[in-house]
PDB file of N, CA and C in Angstrom:
ATOM      1  N   UNK A   1      19.484 -25.899   0.730  1.00  0.00           N
ATOM      2  CA  UNK A   1      19.578 -24.591   1.316  1.00  0.00           C
ATOM      3  C   UNK A   1      17.898 -23.866   0.556  1.00  0.00           C
ATOM      4  N   UNK A   2      16.998 -23.561   1.194  1.00  0.00           N
ATOM      5  CA  UNK A   2      15.495 -23.062   0.479  1.00  0.00           C
ATOM      6  C   UNK A   2      16.066 -21.486   0.040  1.00  0.00           C
ATOM      7  N   UNK A   3      15.015 -21.444  -1.081  1.00  0.00           N
ATOM      8  CA  UNK A   3      15.428 -20.223  -1.543  1.00  0.00           C
ATOM      9  C   UNK A   3      14.348 -19.148  -0.952  1.00  0.00           C
ATOM     10  N   UNK A   4      14.255 -17.667  -0.975  1.00  0.00           N
ATOM     11  CA  UNK A   4      13.473 -16.991  -0.266  1.00  0.00           C
ATOM     12  C   UNK A   4      12.397 -16.715  -1.161  1.00  0.00           C
ATOM     13  N   UNK A   5      11.302 -16.704  -0.527  1.00  0.00           N
ATOM     14  CA  UNK A   5      10.233 -16.486  -1.376  1.00  0.00           C
ATOM     15  C   UNK A   5      10.191 -14.751  -1.889  1.00  0.00           C
ATOM     16  N   UNK A   6      10.118 -14.357  -3.362  1.00  0.00           N
ATOM     17  CA  UNK A   6      10.078 -13.032  -3.410  1.00  0.00           C
ATOM     18  C   UNK A   6       8.653 -12.337  -3.225  1.00  0.00           C
ATOM     19  N   UNK A   7       8.366 -11.061  -2.369  1.00  0.00           N
ATOM     20  CA  UNK A   7       7.267 -10.613  -2.136  1.00  0.00           C
ATOM     21  C   UNK A   7       6.756 -10.131  -3.135  1.00  0.00           C
ATOM     22  N   UNK A   8       5.177 -10.263  -3.412  1.00  0.00           N
ATOM     23  CA  UNK A   8       4.575 -10.091  -4.176  1.00  0.00           C
ATOM     24  C   UNK A   8       4.006  -8.489  -4.038  1.00  0.00           C
ATOM     25  N   UNK A   9       4.941  -7.341  -4.306  1.00  0.00           N
ATOM     26  CA  UNK A   9       4.245  -6.004  -3.723  1.00  0.00           C
ATOM     27  C   UNK A   9       2.849  -5.333  -4.075  1.00  0.00           C
ATOM     28  N   UNK A  10       2.714  -5.800  -5.543  1.00  0.00           N
ATOM     29  CA  UNK A  10       1.094  -5.327  -5.896  1.00  0.00           C
ATOM     30  C   UNK A  10       0.096  -5.857  -4.918  1.00  0.00           C
ATOM     31  N   UNK A  11       0.304  -7.362  -4.824  1.00  0.00           N
ATOM     32  CA  UNK A  11      -0.459  -7.802  -3.880  1.00  0.00           C
ATOM     33  C   UNK A  11      -0.917  -7.548  -2.387  1.00  0.00           C
ATOM     34  N   UNK A  12       0.312  -7.061  -2.139  1.00  0.00           N
ATOM     35  CA  UNK A  12       0.673  -6.612  -0.797  1.00  0.00           C
ATOM     36  C   UNK A  12      -0.062  -5.390  -0.665  1.00  0.00           C
ATOM     37  N   UNK A  13      -0.025  -4.510  -1.464  1.00  0.00           N
ATOM     38  CA  UNK A  13      -0.541  -3.020  -1.175  1.00  0.00           C
ATOM     39  C   UNK A  13      -2.393  -3.370  -1.900  1.00  0.00           C
ATOM     40  N   UNK A  14      -2.645  -4.003  -2.913  1.00  0.00           N
ATOM     41  CA  UNK A  14      -4.221  -4.350  -2.911  1.00  0.00           C
ATOM     42  C   UNK A  14      -4.492  -4.519  -1.403  1.00  0.00           C
ATOM     43  N   UNK A  15      -3.839  -5.810  -1.177  1.00  0.00           N
ATOM     44  CA  UNK A  15      -4.528  -6.330   0.169  1.00  0.00           C
ATOM     45  C   UNK A  15      -4.829  -5.128   1.484  1.00  0.00           C
ATOM     46  N   UNK A  16      -4.028  -4.247   1.225  1.00  0.00           N
ATOM     47  CA  UNK A  16      -4.326  -3.436   2.427  1.00  0.00           C
ATOM     48  C   UNK A  16      -5.218  -2.385   1.920  1.00  0.00           C
ATOM     49  N   UNK A  17      -5.485  -2.265   0.745  1.00  0.00           N
ATOM     50  CA  UNK A  17      -6.791  -1.250   0.555  1.00  0.00           C
ATOM     51  C   UNK A  17      -7.671  -2.016   0.112  1.00  0.00           C
ATOM     52  N   UNK A  18      -7.871  -3.022   0.423  1.00  0.00           N
ATOM     53  CA  UNK A  18      -9.040  -3.956   0.431  1.00  0.00           C
ATOM     54  C   UNK A  18      -9.302  -4.016   1.710  1.00  0.00           C
ATOM     55  N   UNK A  19      -8.753  -4.421   2.344  1.00  0.00           N
ATOM     56  CA  UNK A  19      -8.985  -4.367   4.300  1.00  0.00           C
ATOM     57  C   UNK A  19      -9.291  -3.029   4.347  1.00  0.00           C
ATOM     58  N   UNK A  20      -8.994  -2.046   4.233  1.00  0.00           N
ATOM     59  CA  UNK A  20      -9.302  -0.436   4.397  1.00  0.00           C
ATOM     60  C   UNK A  20     -10.549  -0.088   3.874  1.00  0.00           C
ATOM     61  N   UNK A  21     -11.066  -0.462   2.716  1.00  0.00           N
ATOM     62  CA  UNK A  21     -11.851  -0.308   1.582  1.00  0.00           C
ATOM     63  C   UNK A  21     -13.066  -1.055   2.809  1.00  0.00           C
ATOM     64  N   UNK A  22     -12.743  -2.339   2.660  1.00  0.00           N
ATOM     65  CA  UNK A  22     -14.239  -3.037   3.861  1.00  0.00           C
ATOM     66  C   UNK A  22     -14.633  -2.411   5.266  1.00  0.00           C
ATOM     67  N   UNK A  23     -13.175  -2.110   5.688  1.00  0.00           N
ATOM     68  CA  UNK A  23     -13.315  -2.034   7.355  1.00  0.00           C
ATOM     69  C   UNK A  23     -13.801   0.028   7.543  1.00  0.00           C
ATOM     70  N   UNK A  24     -13.279   0.667   6.503  1.00  0.00           N
ATOM     71  CA  UNK A  24     -13.480   1.993   6.724  1.00  0.00           C
ATOM     72  C   UNK A  24     -14.232   2.845   5.756  1.00  0.00           C
ATOM     73  N   UNK A  25     -14.335   2.320   4.925  1.00  0.00           N
ATOM     74  CA  UNK A  25     -15.229   3.004   3.718  1.00  0.00           C
ATOM     75  C   UNK A  25     -16.596   2.044   3.085  1.00  0.00           C
ATOM     76  N   UNK A  26     -16.953   0.938   3.996  1.00  0.00           N
ATOM     77  CA  UNK A  26     -18.217   0.187   3.531  1.00  0.00           C
ATOM     78  C   UNK A  26     -17.960  -0.575   2.139  1.00  0.00           C
ATOM     79  N   UNK A  27     -17.059  -0.724   1.566  1.00  0.00           N
ATOM     80  CA  UNK A  27     -16.585  -1.305   0.462  1.00  0.00           C
ATOM     81  C   UNK A  27     -17.229  -0.328  -0.619  1.00  0.00           C
ATOM     82  N   UNK A  28     -17.532   0.993  -0.209  1.00  0.00           N
ATOM     83  CA  UNK A  28     -17.336   1.626  -1.508  1.00  0.00           C
ATOM     84  C   UNK A  28     -16.910   2.262  -2.533  1.00  0.00           C
ATOM     85  N   UNK A  29     -15.785   2.256  -2.203  1.00  0.00           N
ATOM     86  CA  UNK A  29     -14.736   2.694  -2.860  1.00  0.00           C
ATOM     87  C   UNK A  29     -14.501   1.936  -4.307  1.00  0.00           C
ATOM     88  N   UNK A  30     -14.410   2.507  -5.419  1.00  0.00           N
ATOM     89  CA  UNK A  30     -14.230   1.686  -6.316  1.00  0.00           C
ATOM     90  C   UNK A  30     -13.069   1.046  -6.693  1.00  0.00           C
ATOM     91  N   UNK A  31     -13.432  -0.253  -6.155  1.00  0.00           N
ATOM     92  CA  UNK A  31     -12.023  -1.133  -6.415  1.00  0.00           C
ATOM     93  C   UNK A  31     -11.939  -1.591  -7.499  1.00  0.00           C
ATOM     94  N   UNK A  32     -12.811  -1.487  -8.584  1.00  0.00           N
ATOM     95  CA  UNK A  32     -12.606  -2.752  -9.727  1.00  0.00           C
ATOM     96  C   UNK A  32     -12.055  -1.292 -10.928  1.00  0.00           C
ATOM     97  N   UNK A  33     -11.955  -0.248 -10.673  1.00  0.00           N
ATOM     98  CA  UNK A  33     -11.666   0.851 -11.038  1.00  0.00           C
ATOM     99  C   UNK A  33     -10.300   1.439 -10.628  1.00  0.00           C
ATOM    100  N   UNK A  34      -9.927   1.223  -9.646  1.00  0.00           N
ATOM    101  CA  UNK A  34      -8.828   1.260  -9.095  1.00  0.00           C
ATOM    102  C   UNK A  34      -7.469   0.653  -8.852  1.00  0.00           C
ATOM    103  N   UNK A  35      -6.257   1.027  -9.483  1.00  0.00           N
ATOM    104  CA  UNK A  35      -5.333   0.437  -9.477  1.00  0.00           C
ATOM    105  C   UNK A  35      -4.280   0.708  -8.420  1.00  0.00           C
ATOM    106  N   UNK A  36      -3.474   0.183  -7.459  1.00  0.00           N
ATOM    107  CA  UNK A  36      -3.007   0.264  -6.245  1.00  0.00           C
ATOM    108  C   UNK A  36      -1.208  -0.086  -6.768  1.00  0.00           C
ATOM    109  N   UNK A  37      -0.420   0.760  -6.440  1.00  0.00           N
ATOM    110  CA  UNK A  37       0.658   0.625  -7.057  1.00  0.00           C
ATOM    111  C   UNK A  37       1.992   1.195  -6.422  1.00  0.00           C
ATOM    112  N   UNK A  38       2.913   0.480  -6.324  1.00  0.00           N
ATOM    113  CA  UNK A  38       4.241   0.975  -5.841  1.00  0.00           C
ATOM    114  C   UNK A  38       4.729   2.006  -6.824  1.00  0.00           C
ATOM    115  N   UNK A  39       5.726   3.369  -6.380  1.00  0.00           N
ATOM    116  CA  UNK A  39       5.973   4.128  -7.729  1.00  0.00           C
ATOM    117  C   UNK A  39       7.251   4.648  -7.027  1.00  0.00           C
ATOM    118  N   UNK A  40       8.624   4.931  -8.195  1.00  0.00           N
ATOM    119  CA  UNK A  40       9.667   5.691  -7.823  1.00  0.00           C
ATOM    120  C   UNK A  40       9.180   6.991  -8.374  1.00  0.00           C
ATOM    121  N   UNK A  41       9.226   7.825  -7.301  1.00  0.00           N
ATOM    122  CA  UNK A  41       9.050   9.327  -7.366  1.00  0.00           C
ATOM    123  C   UNK A  41      10.680   9.667  -7.210  1.00  0.00           C
ATOM    124  N   UNK A  42      10.170  10.985  -7.739  1.00  0.00           N
ATOM    125  CA  UNK A  42      11.342  12.021  -8.257  1.00  0.00           C
ATOM    126  C   UNK A  42      11.806  12.312  -7.117  1.00  0.00           C
ATOM    127  N   UNK A  43      13.302  12.026  -6.739  1.00  0.00           N
ATOM    128  CA  UNK A  43      14.017  12.533  -5.646  1.00  0.00           C
ATOM    129  C   UNK A  43      14.238  13.785  -5.213  1.00  0.00           C
ATOM    130  N   UNK A  44      14.088  14.613  -6.149  1.00  0.00           N
ATOM    131  CA  UNK A  44      14.076  16.419  -5.733  1.00  0.00           C
ATOM    132  C   UNK A  44      12.904  16.700  -5.048  1.00  0.00           C
ATOM    133  N   UNK A  45      11.598  15.676  -5.588  1.00  0.00           N
ATOM    134  CA  UNK A  45      10.435  16.276  -4.616  1.00  0.00           C
ATOM    135  C   UNK A  45      10.029  14.881  -4.015  1.00  0.00           C
ATOM    136  N   UNK A  46      10.195  14.415  -2.615  1.00  0.00           N
ATOM    137  CA  UNK A  46      10.141  13.618  -2.064  1.00  0.00           C
ATOM    138  C   UNK A  46       8.541  13.797  -1.717  1.00  0.00           C
ATOM    139  N   UNK A  47       7.918  12.441  -1.804  1.00  0.00           N
ATOM    140  CA  UNK A  47       6.339  12.312  -2.128  1.00  0.00           C
ATOM    141  C   UNK A  47       6.086  11.034  -1.423  1.00  0.00           C
ATOM    142  N   UNK A  48       5.113  10.927  -0.471  1.00  0.00           N
ATOM    143  CA  UNK A  48       4.734   9.507  -0.130  1.00  0.00           C
ATOM    144  C   UNK A  48       3.933   8.873  -0.525  1.00  0.00           C
ATOM    145  N   UNK A  49       3.163   9.590  -1.438  1.00  0.00           N
ATOM    146  CA  UNK A  49       2.085   8.963  -2.674  1.00  0.00           C
ATOM    147  C   UNK A  49       1.256   9.907  -3.239  1.00  0.00           C
ATOM    148  N   UNK A  50       0.446   9.365  -3.918  1.00  0.00           N
ATOM    149  CA  UNK A  50      -0.438  10.164  -4.852  1.00  0.00           C
ATOM    150  C   UNK A  50      -1.700   9.339  -5.271  1.00  0.00           C
ATOM    151  N   UNK A  51      -2.633   9.968  -5.473  1.00  0.00           N
ATOM    152  CA  UNK A  51      -3.983   9.666  -5.797  1.00  0.00           C
ATOM    153  C   UNK A  51      -4.555  10.318  -7.151  1.00  0.00           C
ATOM    154  N   UNK A  52      -4.560   9.693  -8.261  1.00  0.00           N
ATOM    155  CA  UNK A  52      -4.831  10.264  -9.624  1.00  0.00           C
ATOM    156  C   UNK A  52      -5.891   9.629 -10.129  1.00  0.00           C
ATOM    157  N   UNK A  53      -6.890  10.378 -10.803  1.00  0.00           N
ATOM    158  CA  UNK A  53      -7.966  10.348 -11.379  1.00  0.00           C
ATOM    159  C   UNK A  53      -7.955  10.158 -13.151  1.00  0.00           C
ATOM    160  N   UNK A  54      -8.238   9.324 -13.848  1.00  0.00           N
ATOM    161  CA  UNK A  54      -8.204   9.422 -15.129  1.00  0.00           C
ATOM    162  C   UNK A  54      -9.684   9.173 -15.622  1.00  0.00           C
ATOM    163  N   UNK A  55      -9.733   9.930 -16.621  1.00  0.00           N
ATOM    164  CA  UNK A  55     -11.079   9.926 -17.572  1.00  0.00           C
ATOM    165  C   UNK A  55     -10.614   9.333 -18.638  1.00  0.00           C
ATOM    166  N   UNK A  56     -11.545   8.269 -18.877  1.00  0.00           N
ATOM    167  CA  UNK A  56     -10.882   7.241 -20.602  1.00  0.00           C
ATOM    168  C   UNK A  56     -12.049   7.296 -21.341  1.00  0.00           C
ATOM    169  N   UNK A  57     -12.024   6.994 -22.407  1.00  0.00           N
ATOM    170  CA  UNK A  57     -12.938   6.594 -23.618  1.00  0.00           C
ATOM    171  C   UNK A  57     -12.761   5.651 -24.434  1.00  0.00           C
ATOM    172  N   UNK A  58     -13.665   4.896 -24.506  1.00  0.00           N
ATOM    173  CA  UNK A  58     -13.499   3.865 -25.557  1.00  0.00           C
ATOM    174  C   UNK A  58     -14.971   4.034 -26.735  1.00  0.00           C
ATOM    175  N   UNK A  59     -14.479   4.427 -27.632  1.00  0.00           N
ATOM    176  CA  UNK A  59     -15.697   4.929 -28.606  1.00  0.00           C
ATOM    177  C   UNK A  59     -17.000   5.744 -27.895  1.00  0.00           C
ATOM    178  N   UNK A  60     -18.106   5.346 -27.260  1.00  0.00           N
ATOM    179  CA  UNK A  60     -19.020   6.065 -26.967  1.00  0.00           C
ATOM    180  C   UNK A  60     -19.009   6.041 -25.310  1.00  0.00           C
ATOM    181  N   UNK A  61     -18.243   5.263 -24.887  1.00  0.00           N
ATOM    182  CA  UNK A  61     -18.122   4.737 -23.479  1.00  0.00           C
ATOM    183  C   UNK A  61     -17.169   5.736 -22.551  1.00  0.00           C
ATOM    184  N   UNK A  62     -17.532   6.384 -21.732  1.00  0.00           N
ATOM    185  CA  UNK A  62     -16.684   6.979 -20.721  1.00  0.00           C
ATOM    186  C   UNK A  62     -16.791   6.506 -19.492  1.00  0.00           C
ATOM    187  N   UNK A  63     -15.541   6.217 -18.756  1.00  0.00           N
ATOM    188  CA  UNK A  63     -15.381   5.983 -17.405  1.00  0.00           C
ATOM    189  C   UNK A  63     -14.191   6.851 -16.551  1.00  0.00           C
ATOM    190  N   UNK A  64     -14.164   6.399 -15.420  1.00  0.00           N
ATOM    191  CA  UNK A  64     -13.030   7.243 -14.900  1.00  0.00           C
ATOM    192  C   UNK A  64     -12.402   5.702 -14.454  1.00  0.00           C
ATOM    193  N   UNK A  65     -11.030   5.903 -13.874  1.00  0.00           N
ATOM    194  CA  UNK A  65     -10.312   4.881 -13.392  1.00  0.00           C
ATOM    195  C   UNK A  65      -9.141   5.601 -12.288  1.00  0.00           C
ATOM    196  N   UNK A  66      -9.110   4.838 -11.569  1.00  0.00           N
ATOM    197  CA  UNK A  66      -8.307   5.548 -10.324  1.00  0.00           C
ATOM    198  C   UNK A  66      -6.903   4.980 -10.402  1.00  0.00           C
ATOM    199  N   UNK A  67      -5.811   5.604  -9.824  1.00  0.00           N
ATOM    200  CA  UNK A  67      -4.671   4.995  -9.220  1.00  0.00           C
ATOM    201  C   UNK A  67      -3.963   5.842  -7.934  1.00  0.00           C
ATOM    202  N   UNK A  68      -3.738   5.050  -7.068  1.00  0.00           N
ATOM    203  CA  UNK A  68      -3.316   5.306  -5.707  1.00  0.00           C
ATOM    204  C   UNK A  68      -1.666   4.403  -5.820  1.00  0.00           C
ATOM    205  N   UNK A  69      -0.998   5.615  -5.714  1.00  0.00           N
ATOM    206  CA  UNK A  69       0.590   5.291  -5.918  1.00  0.00           C
ATOM    207  C   UNK A  69       1.346   5.721  -4.669  1.00  0.00           C
ATOM    208  N   UNK A  70       2.085   4.651  -4.299  1.00  0.00           N
ATOM    209  CA  UNK A  70       3.004   4.749  -2.595  1.00  0.00           C
ATOM    210  C   UNK A  70       4.557   4.791  -3.129  1.00  0.00           C
ATOM    211  N   UNK A  71       5.221   5.802  -2.621  1.00  0.00           N
ATOM    212  CA  UNK A  71       6.359   5.629  -2.768  1.00  0.00           C
ATOM    213  C   UNK A  71       7.428   4.242  -2.878  1.00  0.00           C
ATOM    214  N   UNK A  72       7.627   3.611  -3.509  1.00  0.00           N
ATOM    215  CA  UNK A  72       8.920   2.329  -3.352  1.00  0.00           C
ATOM    216  C   UNK A  72       9.685   2.554  -2.459  1.00  0.00           C
ATOM    217  N   UNK A  73      10.227   3.742  -2.040  1.00  0.00           N
ATOM    218  CA  UNK A  73      11.411   3.879  -1.077  1.00  0.00           C
ATOM    219  C   UNK A  73      10.633   3.403   0.525  1.00  0.00           C
ATOM    220  N   UNK A  74       9.414   3.455   0.374  1.00  0.00           N
ATOM    221  CA  UNK A  74       8.835   3.331   1.769  1.00  0.00           C
ATOM    222  C   UNK A  74       8.366   1.847   1.715  1.00  0.00           C
ATOM    223  N   UNK A  75       8.721   0.877   1.011  1.00  0.00           N
ATOM    224  CA  UNK A  75       7.942  -0.407   1.041  1.00  0.00           C
ATOM    225  C   UNK A  75       8.166  -1.220   2.256  1.00  0.00           C
ATOM    226  N   UNK A  76       9.542  -1.006   2.919  1.00  0.00           N
ATOM    227  CA  UNK A  76       9.824  -1.872   4.130  1.00  0.00           C
ATOM    228  C   UNK A  76       9.115  -1.221   5.138  1.00  0.00           C
ATOM    229  N   UNK A  77       8.570   0.048   5.175  1.00  0.00           N
ATOM    230  CA  UNK A  77       8.003   0.232   6.506  1.00  0.00           C
ATOM    231  C   UNK A  77       6.595   0.657   6.283  1.00  0.00           C
ATOM    232  N   UNK A  78       5.884  -0.666   6.968  1.00  0.00           N
ATOM    233  CA  UNK A  78       4.476  -1.324   6.824  1.00  0.00           C
ATOM    234  C   UNK A  78       3.546   0.039   7.587  1.00  0.00           C
ATOM    235  N   UNK A  79       3.880   0.388   8.635  1.00  0.00           N
ATOM    236  CA  UNK A  79       3.271   1.632   9.192  1.00  0.00           C
ATOM    237  C   UNK A  79       3.190   3.012   8.374  1.00  0.00           C
ATOM    238  N   UNK A  80       4.015   3.717   7.910  1.00  0.00           N
ATOM    239  CA  UNK A  80       4.010   4.356   6.742  1.00  0.00           C
ATOM    240  C   UNK A  80       3.476   3.977   5.637  1.00  0.00           C
ATOM    241  N   UNK A  81       3.630   2.978   5.004  1.00  0.00           N
ATOM    242  CA  UNK A  81       2.705   2.652   3.799  1.00  0.00           C
ATOM    243  C   UNK A  81       1.078   2.692   4.102  1.00  0.00           C
ATOM    244  N   UNK A  82       0.668   2.049   5.081  1.00  0.00           N
ATOM    245  CA  UNK A  82      -0.943   2.018   5.790  1.00  0.00           C
ATOM    246  C   UNK A  82      -0.965   3.760   5.720  1.00  0.00           C
ATOM    247  N   UNK A  83      -0.479   4.377   6.504  1.00  0.00           N
ATOM    248  CA  UNK A  83      -0.909   5.749   6.802  1.00  0.00           C
ATOM    249  C   UNK A  83      -1.122   6.125   5.487  1.00  0.00           C
ATOM    250  N   UNK A  84       0.066   6.183   4.396  1.00  0.00           N
ATOM    251  CA  UNK A  84      -0.083   6.686   3.442  1.00  0.00           C
ATOM    252  C   UNK A  84      -1.600   6.295   2.619  1.00  0.00           C
ATOM    253  N   UNK A  85      -1.548   5.061   2.756  1.00  0.00           N
ATOM    254  CA  UNK A  85      -2.896   4.266   1.994  1.00  0.00           C
ATOM    255  C   UNK A  85      -3.962   4.788   2.544  1.00  0.00           C
ATOM    256  N   UNK A  86      -3.998   5.072   4.089  1.00  0.00           N
ATOM    257  CA  UNK A  86      -5.366   5.821   4.534  1.00  0.00           C
ATOM    258  C   UNK A  86      -5.489   7.357   3.711  1.00  0.00           C
ATOM    259  N   UNK A  87      -4.064   8.051   4.112  1.00  0.00           N
ATOM    260  CA  UNK A  87      -4.313   9.440   3.477  1.00  0.00           C
ATOM    261  C   UNK A  87      -4.993   9.461   1.995  1.00  0.00           C
ATOM    262  N   UNK A  88      -4.261   8.686   0.816  1.00  0.00           N
ATOM    263  CA  UNK A  88      -4.729   8.566  -0.301  1.00  0.00           C
ATOM    264  C   UNK A  88      -6.169   7.887  -0.753  1.00  0.00           C
ATOM    265  N   UNK A  89      -6.429   7.118   0.496  1.00  0.00           N
ATOM    266  CA  UNK A  89      -7.975   6.481   0.085  1.00  0.00           C
ATOM    267  C   UNK A  89      -8.904   7.602   0.258  1.00  0.00           C
ATOM    268  N   UNK A  90      -8.342   8.635   1.494  1.00  0.00           N
ATOM    269  CA  UNK A  90      -9.346   9.801   1.481  1.00  0.00           C
ATOM    270  C   UNK A  90      -9.453  10.614   0.273  1.00  0.00           C
ATOM    271  N   UNK A  91      -8.471  10.882  -0.534  1.00  0.00           N
ATOM    272  CA  UNK A  91      -8.583  11.350  -1.591  1.00  0.00           C
ATOM    273  C   UNK A  91      -9.490  10.788  -2.697  1.00  0.00           C
ATOM    274  N   UNK A  92      -9.115   9.551  -2.506  1.00  0.00           N
ATOM    275  CA  UNK A  92     -10.407   8.742  -3.516  1.00  0.00           C
ATOM    276  C   UNK A  92     -11.807   8.718  -3.094  1.00  0.00           C
ATOM    277  N   UNK A  93     -12.108   8.981  -1.416  1.00  0.00           N
ATOM    278  CA  UNK A  93     -13.485   8.938  -0.986  1.00  0.00           C
ATOM    279  C   UNK A  93     -14.025  10.280  -1.365  1.00  0.00           C
ATOM    280  N   UNK A  94     -13.317  11.382  -1.188  1.00  0.00           N
ATOM    281  CA  UNK A  94     -13.658  12.640  -1.567  1.00  0.00           C
ATOM    282  C   UNK A  94     -13.530  13.330  -2.914  1.00  0.00           C
ATOM    283  N   UNK A  95     -13.342  11.947  -3.939  1.00  0.00           N
ATOM    284  CA  UNK A  95     -13.043  12.261  -5.224  1.00  0.00           C
ATOM    285  C   UNK A  95     -12.277  13.257  -5.626  1.00  0.00           C
ATOM    286  N   UNK A  96     -10.964  13.707  -5.042  1.00  0.00           N
ATOM    287  CA  UNK A  96     -10.149  14.513  -5.456  1.00  0.00           C
ATOM    288  C   UNK A  96     -10.816  15.848  -5.887  1.00  0.00           C
ATOM    289  N   UNK A  97     -11.477  16.457  -5.014  1.00  0.00           N
ATOM    290  CA  UNK A  97     -11.666  17.906  -4.789  1.00  0.00           C
ATOM    291  C   UNK A  97     -10.907  18.770  -5.157  1.00  0.00           C
ATOM    292  N   UNK A  98     -11.054  19.434  -5.676  1.00  0.00           N
ATOM    293  CA  UNK A  98     -10.024  20.839  -6.186  1.00  0.00           C
ATOM    294  C   UNK A  98      -9.583  21.332  -4.639  1.00  0.00           C
ATOM    295  N   UNK A  99      -8.305  21.646  -4.897  1.00  0.00           N
ATOM    296  CA  UNK A  99      -7.573  21.900  -3.416  1.00  0.00           C
ATOM    297  C   UNK A  99      -6.630  21.048  -2.880  1.00  0.00           C
ATOM    298  N   UNK A 100      -7.114  19.954  -3.476  1.00  0.00           N
ATOM    299  CA  UNK A 100      -6.374  18.428  -2.583  1.00  0.00           C
ATOM    300  C   UNK A 100      -6.444  18.070  -1.192  1.00  0.00           C
ATOM    301  N   UNK A 101      -6.472  19.055  -0.405  1.00  0.00           N
ATOM    302  CA  UNK A 101      -6.568  19.200   0.973  1.00  0.00           C
ATOM    303  C   UNK A 101      -7.300  19.694   1.557  1.00  0.00           C
ATOM    304  N   UNK A 102      -8.585  19.911   1.116  1.00  0.00           N
ATOM    305  CA  UNK A 102      -9.918  20.887   1.294  1.00  0.00           C
ATOM    306  C   UNK A 102     -10.890  20.166   2.104  1.00  0.00           C
ATOM    307  N   UNK A 103     -11.752  21.027   2.262  1.00  0.00           N
ATOM    308  CA  UNK A 103     -12.686  20.270   3.431  1.00  0.00           C
ATOM    309  C   UNK A 103     -13.432  19.308   3.417  1.00  0.00           C
ATOM    310  N   UNK A 104     -13.672  18.607   2.261  1.00  0.00           N
ATOM    311  CA  UNK A 104     -14.180  16.976   1.673  1.00  0.00           C
ATOM    312  C   UNK A 104     -13.013  16.183   2.684  1.00  0.00           C
ATOM    313  N   UNK A 105     -11.762  16.379   1.889  1.00  0.00           N
ATOM    314  CA  UNK A 105     -10.969  15.204   2.485  1.00  0.00           C
ATOM    315  C   UNK A 105     -10.348  15.832   4.143  1.00  0.00           C
ATOM    316  N   UNK A 106     -10.232  16.766   4.480  1.00  0.00           N
ATOM    317  CA  UNK A 106     -10.228  17.004   5.676  1.00  0.00           C
ATOM    318  C   UNK A 106     -11.380  16.364   6.784  1.00  0.00           C
ATOM    319  N   UNK A 107     -12.580  16.402   6.047  1.00  0.00           N
ATOM    320  CA  UNK A 107     -13.765  15.659   6.746  1.00  0.00           C
ATOM    321  C   UNK A 107     -13.467  14.000   6.916  1.00  0.00           C
ATOM    322  N   UNK A 108     -12.704  13.729   5.607  1.00  0.00           N
ATOM    323  CA  UNK A 108     -12.571  12.464   5.473  1.00  0.00           C
ATOM    324  C   UNK A 108     -12.114  11.905   6.668  1.00  0.00           C
ATOM    325  N   UNK A 109     -10.548  12.872   6.536  1.00  0.00           N
ATOM    326  CA  UNK A 109      -9.413  12.143   7.386  1.00  0.00           C
ATOM    327  C   UNK A 109     -10.180  12.482   9.165  1.00  0.00           C
ATOM    328  N   UNK A 110     -10.969  13.007   9.128  1.00  0.00           N
ATOM    329  CA  UNK A 110     -11.522  13.088  10.803  1.00  0.00           C
ATOM    330  C   UNK A 110     -12.332  12.157  11.129  1.00  0.00           C
ATOM    331  N   UNK A 111     -12.808  11.725   9.791  1.00  0.00           N
ATOM    332  CA  UNK A 111     -14.187  10.601  10.217  1.00  0.00           C
ATOM    333  C   UNK A 111     -13.147   9.026  10.413  1.00  0.00           C
ATOM    334  N   UNK A 112     -12.136   9.010   9.559  1.00  0.00           N
ATOM    335  CA  UNK A 112     -10.940   7.704   9.677  1.00  0.00           C
ATOM    336  C   UNK A 112     -10.300   8.037  11.323  1.00  0.00           C
ATOM    337  N   UNK A 113     -10.319   8.959  11.516  1.00  0.00           N
ATOM    338  CA  UNK A 113      -9.525   9.222  12.910  1.00  0.00           C
ATOM    339  C   UNK A 113     -10.437   8.715  13.929  1.00  0.00           C
ATOM    340  N   UNK A 114     -11.819   9.109  13.886  1.00  0.00           N
ATOM    341  CA  UNK A 114     -12.703   8.817  14.727  1.00  0.00           C
ATOM    342  C   UNK A 114     -13.098   7.323  14.917  1.00  0.00           C
ATOM    343  N   UNK A 115     -12.769   6.566  13.448  1.00  0.00           N
ATOM    344  CA  UNK A 115     -13.014   5.079  13.172  1.00  0.00           C
ATOM    345  C   UNK A 115     -11.902   4.585  13.840  1.00  0.00           C
ATOM    346  N   UNK A 116     -10.835   5.146  14.600  1.00  0.00           N
ATOM    347  CA  UNK A 116      -9.950   4.348  14.669  1.00  0.00           C
ATOM    348  C   UNK A 116      -8.979   3.826  13.734  1.00  0.00           C
ATOM    349  N   UNK A 117      -8.987   4.301  12.501  1.00  0.00           N
ATOM    350  CA  UNK A 117      -8.272   3.650  11.580  1.00  0.00           C
ATOM    351  C   UNK A 117      -6.740   3.967  11.678  1.00  0.00           C
ATOM    352  N   UNK A 118      -6.606   4.783  12.669  1.00  0.00           N
ATOM    353  CA  UNK A 118      -4.878   5.140  12.706  1.00  0.00           C
ATOM    354  C   UNK A 118      -4.700   4.826  13.985  1.00  0.00           C
ATOM    355  N   UNK A 119      -5.656   4.157  14.839  1.00  0.00           N
ATOM    356  CA  UNK A 119      -4.856   3.804  16.411  1.00  0.00           C
ATOM    357  C   UNK A 119      -3.614   3.374  16.316  1.00  0.00           C
ATOM    358  N   UNK A 120      -3.949   1.910  15.763  1.00  0.00           N
ATOM    359  CA  UNK A 120      -2.808   0.770  15.661  1.00  0.00           C
ATOM    360  C   UNK A 120      -1.351   1.596  15.072  1.00  0.00           C
ATOM    361  N   UNK A 121      -1.583   2.257  14.274  1.00  0.00           N
ATOM    362  CA  UNK A 121      -0.477   2.725  13.610  1.00  0.00           C
ATOM    363  C   UNK A 121       0.370   4.036  13.954  1.00  0.00           C
ATOM    364  N   UNK A 122      -0.200   4.381  15.441  1.00  0.00           N
ATOM    365  CA  UNK A 122       0.427   5.554  15.785  1.00  0.00           C
ATOM    366  C   UNK A 122       1.266   5.114  17.117  1.00  0.00           C
TER     367      UNK A 122
END
């Protein structure tokens, strides 16, 4: 009897990020500075995902890094994972403007809709 191969969840998420970055963002999102993870969110505040910005420093060098987290409980629903990834990548593209779902983010979502990013997901 063959052993079932365990799914590499981080590779799965990063493949979606990479695909969408190339297809809808002209590969301009900071892929080397961005981690993409599944995360178990607090059950009291259900959340599909989050996009976080970190300012880091090592000596005189400063840089920004990013994390896109998708709720671990969604991992078996690929359509929802993909929609959440597009939502969080729109935050990254608008560089987490204050107000979170402000004018820049809304413009980015509208651009993604016009580009057909959600067509196969709805």
